[in-house]
PDB file of N, CA and C in Angstrom:
ATOM      1  N   MET A   1       9.052  19.127  14.237  1.00  0.00           N
ATOM      2  CA  MET A   1       9.328  17.870  13.680  1.00  0.00           C
ATOM      3  C   MET A   1       9.576  16.844  14.743  1.00  0.00           C
ATOM      4  N   GLU A   2      10.243  17.220  15.856  1.00  0.00           N
ATOM      5  CA  GLU A   2      10.644  16.255  16.841  1.00  0.00           C
ATOM      6  C   GLU A   2       9.369  15.651  17.486  1.00  0.00           C
ATOM      7  N   TRP A   3       8.380  16.442  17.728  1.00  0.00           N
ATOM      8  CA  TRP A   3       7.140  15.870  18.385  1.00  0.00           C
ATOM      9  C   TRP A   3       6.408  14.870  17.537  1.00  0.00           C
ATOM     10  N   LEU A   4       6.543  15.008  16.193  1.00  0.00           N
ATOM     11  CA  LEU A   4       5.989  14.041  15.275  1.00  0.00           C
ATOM     12  C   LEU A   4       6.637  12.696  15.351  1.00  0.00           C
ATOM     13  N   VAL A   5       8.042  12.724  15.483  1.00  0.00           N
ATOM     14  CA  VAL A   5       8.727  11.464  15.579  1.00  0.00           C
ATOM     15  C   VAL A   5       8.614  10.930  16.957  1.00  0.00           C
ATOM     16  N   ARG A   6       8.616  11.726  17.995  1.00  0.00           N
ATOM     17  CA  ARG A   6       8.417  11.254  19.413  1.00  0.00           C
ATOM     18  C   ARG A   6       7.068  10.596  19.554  1.00  0.00           C
ATOM     19  N   SER A   7       6.041  11.098  18.881  1.00  0.00           N
ATOM     20  CA  SER A   7       4.689  10.506  19.039  1.00  0.00           C
ATOM     21  C   SER A   7       4.402   9.302  18.070  1.00  0.00           C
ATOM     22  N   GLY A   8       5.365   9.064  17.181  1.00  0.00           N
ATOM     23  CA  GLY A   8       5.364   7.875  16.312  1.00  0.00           C
ATOM     24  C   GLY A   8       4.545   8.123  15.063  1.00  0.00           C
ATOM     25  N   HIS A   9       4.476   9.444  14.656  1.00  0.00           N
ATOM     26  CA  HIS A   9       3.740   9.807  13.499  1.00  0.00           C
ATOM     27  C   HIS A   9       4.711  10.148  12.274  1.00  0.00           C
ATOM     28  N   ALA A  10       5.973  10.008  12.543  1.00  0.00           N
ATOM     29  CA  ALA A  10       6.906  10.356  11.489  1.00  0.00           C
ATOM     30  C   ALA A  10       8.234   9.593  11.880  1.00  0.00           C
ATOM     31  N   ILE A  11       9.008   9.417  10.844  1.00  0.00           N
ATOM     32  CA  ILE A  11      10.344   8.748  10.975  1.00  0.00           C
ATOM     33  C   ILE A  11      11.520   9.706  10.877  1.00  0.00           C
ATOM     34  N   ALA A  12      12.578   9.346  11.444  1.00  0.00           N
ATOM     35  CA  ALA A  12      13.777  10.171  11.445  1.00  0.00           C
ATOM     36  C   ALA A  12      14.720   9.788  10.283  1.00  0.00           C
ATOM     37  N   CYS A  13      14.291  10.142   9.090  1.00  0.00           N
ATOM     38  CA  CYS A  13      14.997   9.625   7.903  1.00  0.00           C
ATOM     39  C   CYS A  13      16.092  10.670   7.456  1.00  0.00           C
ATOM     40  N   PHE A  14      15.802  11.906   7.585  1.00  0.00           N
ATOM     41  CA  PHE A  14      16.715  12.928   7.060  1.00  0.00           C
ATOM     42  C   PHE A  14      17.649  13.594   8.040  1.00  0.00           C
ATOM     43  N   ASP A  15      17.433  13.355   9.235  1.00  0.00           N
ATOM     44  CA  ASP A  15      18.316  14.058  10.262  1.00  0.00           C
ATOM     45  C   ASP A  15      18.610  13.036  11.484  1.00  0.00           C
ATOM     46  N   ASN A  16      19.787  12.835  11.713  1.00  0.00           N
ATOM     47  CA  ASN A  16      20.238  11.828  12.671  1.00  0.00           C
ATOM     48  C   ASN A  16      19.903  12.329  14.155  1.00  0.00           C
ATOM     49  N   ARG A  17      19.681  13.540  14.356  1.00  0.00           N
ATOM     50  CA  ARG A  17      19.377  14.025  15.700  1.00  0.00           C
ATOM     51  C   ARG A  17      18.109  13.534  16.138  1.00  0.00           C
ATOM     52  N   TYR A  18      17.256  13.034  15.417  1.00  0.00           N
ATOM     53  CA  TYR A  18      16.012  12.417  15.802  1.00  0.00           C
ATOM     54  C   TYR A  18      15.971  10.925  15.945  1.00  0.00           C
ATOM     55  N   LYS A  19      17.139  10.309  15.660  1.00  0.00           N
ATOM     56  CA  LYS A  19      17.192   8.816  15.780  1.00  0.00           C
ATOM     57  C   LYS A  19      16.864   8.276  17.245  1.00  0.00           C
ATOM     58  N   ALA A  20      17.398   8.943  18.196  1.00  0.00           N
ATOM     59  CA  ALA A  20      17.107   8.507  19.597  1.00  0.00           C
ATOM     60  C   ALA A  20      15.620   8.655  20.002  1.00  0.00           C
ATOM     61  N   VAL A  21      15.061   9.718  19.452  1.00  0.00           N
ATOM     62  CA  VAL A  21      13.599   9.969  19.683  1.00  0.00           C
ATOM     63  C   VAL A  21      12.797   8.884  18.915  1.00  0.00           C
ATOM     64  N   GLU A  22      13.187   8.574  17.760  1.00  0.00           N
ATOM     65  CA  GLU A  22      12.539   7.437  16.972  1.00  0.00           C
ATOM     66  C   GLU A  22      12.628   6.122  17.772  1.00  0.00           C
ATOM     67  N   SER A  23      13.816   5.879  18.345  1.00  0.00           N
ATOM     68  CA  SER A  23      13.982   4.598  19.065  1.00  0.00           C
ATOM     69  C   SER A  23      13.033   4.608  20.324  1.00  0.00           C
ATOM     70  N   GLU A  24      12.957   5.778  20.909  1.00  0.00           N
ATOM     71  CA  GLU A  24      12.068   5.848  22.086  1.00  0.00           C
ATOM     72  C   GLU A  24      10.651   5.584  21.699  1.00  0.00           C
ATOM     73  N   ALA A  25      10.258   6.141  20.574  1.00  0.00           N
ATOM     74  CA  ALA A  25       8.808   5.890  20.156  1.00  0.00           C
ATOM     75  C   ALA A  25       8.608   4.391  19.883  1.00  0.00           C
ATOM     76  N   LYS A  26       9.496   3.807  19.254  1.00  0.00           N
ATOM     77  CA  LYS A  26       9.413   2.315  18.941  1.00  0.00           C
ATOM     78  C   LYS A  26       9.314   1.540  20.240  1.00  0.00           C
ATOM     79  N   ARG A  27      10.192   1.864  21.211  1.00  0.00           N
ATOM     80  CA  ARG A  27      10.307   1.109  22.428  1.00  0.00           C
ATOM     81  C   ARG A  27       8.919   1.299  23.184  1.00  0.00           C
ATOM     82  N   GLU A  28       8.393   2.525  23.109  1.00  0.00           N
ATOM     83  CA  GLU A  28       7.155   2.800  23.928  1.00  0.00           C
ATOM     84  C   GLU A  28       5.929   2.417  23.091  1.00  0.00           C
ATOM     85  N   ARG A  29       6.097   2.001  21.892  1.00  0.00           N
ATOM     86  CA  ARG A  29       4.976   1.542  20.964  1.00  0.00           C
ATOM     87  C   ARG A  29       4.076   2.645  20.749  1.00  0.00           C
ATOM     88  N   ARG A  30       4.598   3.819  20.395  1.00  0.00           N
ATOM     89  CA  ARG A  30       3.674   4.962  20.033  1.00  0.00           C
ATOM     90  C   ARG A  30       3.367   5.088  18.603  1.00  0.00           C
ATOM     91  N   GLY A  31       2.233   5.664  18.295  1.00  0.00           N
ATOM     92  CA  GLY A  31       1.814   5.903  16.833  1.00  0.00           C
ATOM     93  C   GLY A  31       1.884   4.621  16.048  1.00  0.00           C
ATOM     94  N   MET A  32       2.552   4.718  14.865  1.00  0.00           N
ATOM     95  CA  MET A  32       2.701   3.636  13.963  1.00  0.00           C
ATOM     96  C   MET A  32       3.414   2.350  14.556  1.00  0.00           C
ATOM     97  N   TRP A  33       4.225   2.662  15.587  1.00  0.00           N
ATOM     98  CA  TRP A  33       5.027   1.652  16.154  1.00  0.00           C
ATOM     99  C   TRP A  33       4.150   0.830  17.194  1.00  0.00           C
ATOM    100  N   GLY A  34       2.855   1.211  17.391  1.00  0.00           N
ATOM    101  CA  GLY A  34       2.037   0.537  18.429  1.00  0.00           C
ATOM    102  C   GLY A  34       1.260  -0.615  17.901  1.00  0.00           C
ATOM    103  N   TYR A  35       1.330  -0.898  16.692  1.00  0.00           N
ATOM    104  CA  TYR A  35       0.586  -2.156  16.108  1.00  0.00           C
ATOM    105  C   TYR A  35       1.333  -3.456  16.381  1.00  0.00           C
ATOM    106  N   ASP A  36       0.619  -4.477  16.377  1.00  0.00           N
ATOM    107  CA  ASP A  36       1.281  -5.811  16.644  1.00  0.00           C
ATOM    108  C   ASP A  36       2.368  -6.030  15.543  1.00  0.00           C
ATOM    109  N   GLN A  37       2.052  -5.645  14.385  1.00  0.00           N
ATOM    110  CA  GLN A  37       3.002  -5.908  13.232  1.00  0.00           C
ATOM    111  C   GLN A  37       3.394  -4.515  12.732  1.00  0.00           C
ATOM    112  N   ALA A  38       4.288  -3.845  13.397  1.00  0.00           N
ATOM    113  CA  ALA A  38       4.705  -2.455  12.908  1.00  0.00           C
ATOM    114  C   ALA A  38       5.688  -2.672  11.827  1.00  0.00           C
ATOM    115  N   ILE A  39       5.396  -1.995  10.653  1.00  0.00           N
ATOM    116  CA  ILE A  39       6.203  -1.971   9.518  1.00  0.00           C
ATOM    117  C   ILE A  39       6.829  -0.568   9.279  1.00  0.00           C
ATOM    118  N   ASP A  40       8.161  -0.519   9.312  1.00  0.00           N
ATOM    119  CA  ASP A  40       8.902   0.715   8.949  1.00  0.00           C
ATOM    120  C   ASP A  40       8.500   1.114   7.583  1.00  0.00           C
ATOM    121  N   PRO A  41       7.975   2.366   7.467  1.00  0.00           N
ATOM    122  CA  PRO A  41       7.606   2.929   6.162  1.00  0.00           C
ATOM    123  C   PRO A  41       8.687   2.888   5.078  1.00  0.00           C
ATOM    124  N   ARG A  42       9.982   3.095   5.558  1.00  0.00           N
ATOM    125  CA  ARG A  42      11.117   2.992   4.620  1.00  0.00           C
ATOM    126  C   ARG A  42      11.282   1.554   4.037  1.00  0.00           C
ATOM    127  N   ALA A  43      11.070   0.596   4.872  1.00  0.00           N
ATOM    128  CA  ALA A  43      11.165  -0.915   4.379  1.00  0.00           C
ATOM    129  C   ALA A  43       9.959  -1.136   3.483  1.00  0.00           C
ATOM    130  N   TRP A  44       8.846  -0.651   3.793  1.00  0.00           N
ATOM    131  CA  TRP A  44       7.628  -0.871   2.994  1.00  0.00           C
ATOM    132  C   TRP A  44       7.861  -0.291   1.578  1.00  0.00           C
ATOM    133  N   ARG A  45       8.407   0.986   1.578  1.00  0.00           N
ATOM    134  CA  ARG A  45       8.521   1.636   0.201  1.00  0.00           C
ATOM    135  C   ARG A  45       9.547   0.916  -0.659  1.00  0.00           C
ATOM    136  N   ARG A  46      10.579   0.385  -0.096  1.00  0.00           N
ATOM    137  CA  ARG A  46      11.631  -0.403  -0.831  1.00  0.00           C
ATOM    138  C   ARG A  46      11.037  -1.610  -1.424  1.00  0.00           C
ATOM    139  N   GLY A  47      10.092  -2.240  -0.674  1.00  0.00           N
ATOM    140  CA  GLY A  47       9.469  -3.443  -1.155  1.00  0.00           C
ATOM    141  C   GLY A  47       8.443  -3.160  -2.288  1.00  0.00           C
ATOM    142  N   LYS A  48       7.958  -1.906  -2.351  1.00  0.00           N
ATOM    143  CA  LYS A  48       6.954  -1.559  -3.380  1.00  0.00           C
ATOM    144  C   LYS A  48       7.605  -1.158  -4.735  1.00  0.00           C
ATOM    145  N   GLY A  49       8.823  -0.755  -4.685  1.00  0.00           N
ATOM    146  CA  GLY A  49       9.428  -0.220  -5.843  1.00  0.00           C
ATOM    147  C   GLY A  49      10.111  -1.325  -6.740  1.00  0.00           C
TER     148      GLY A  49
END
């Protein structure tokens, strides 16, 4: 699981131990965080419901 979050292909929504890894992925603009307009999937889902 950690490598998915670290590479920007998953979010750390269920386990706080991956929050720092997610922040690193965002900072380094990896995976889904690499787009000019990165949208957190959690925010997107809240807007859809």
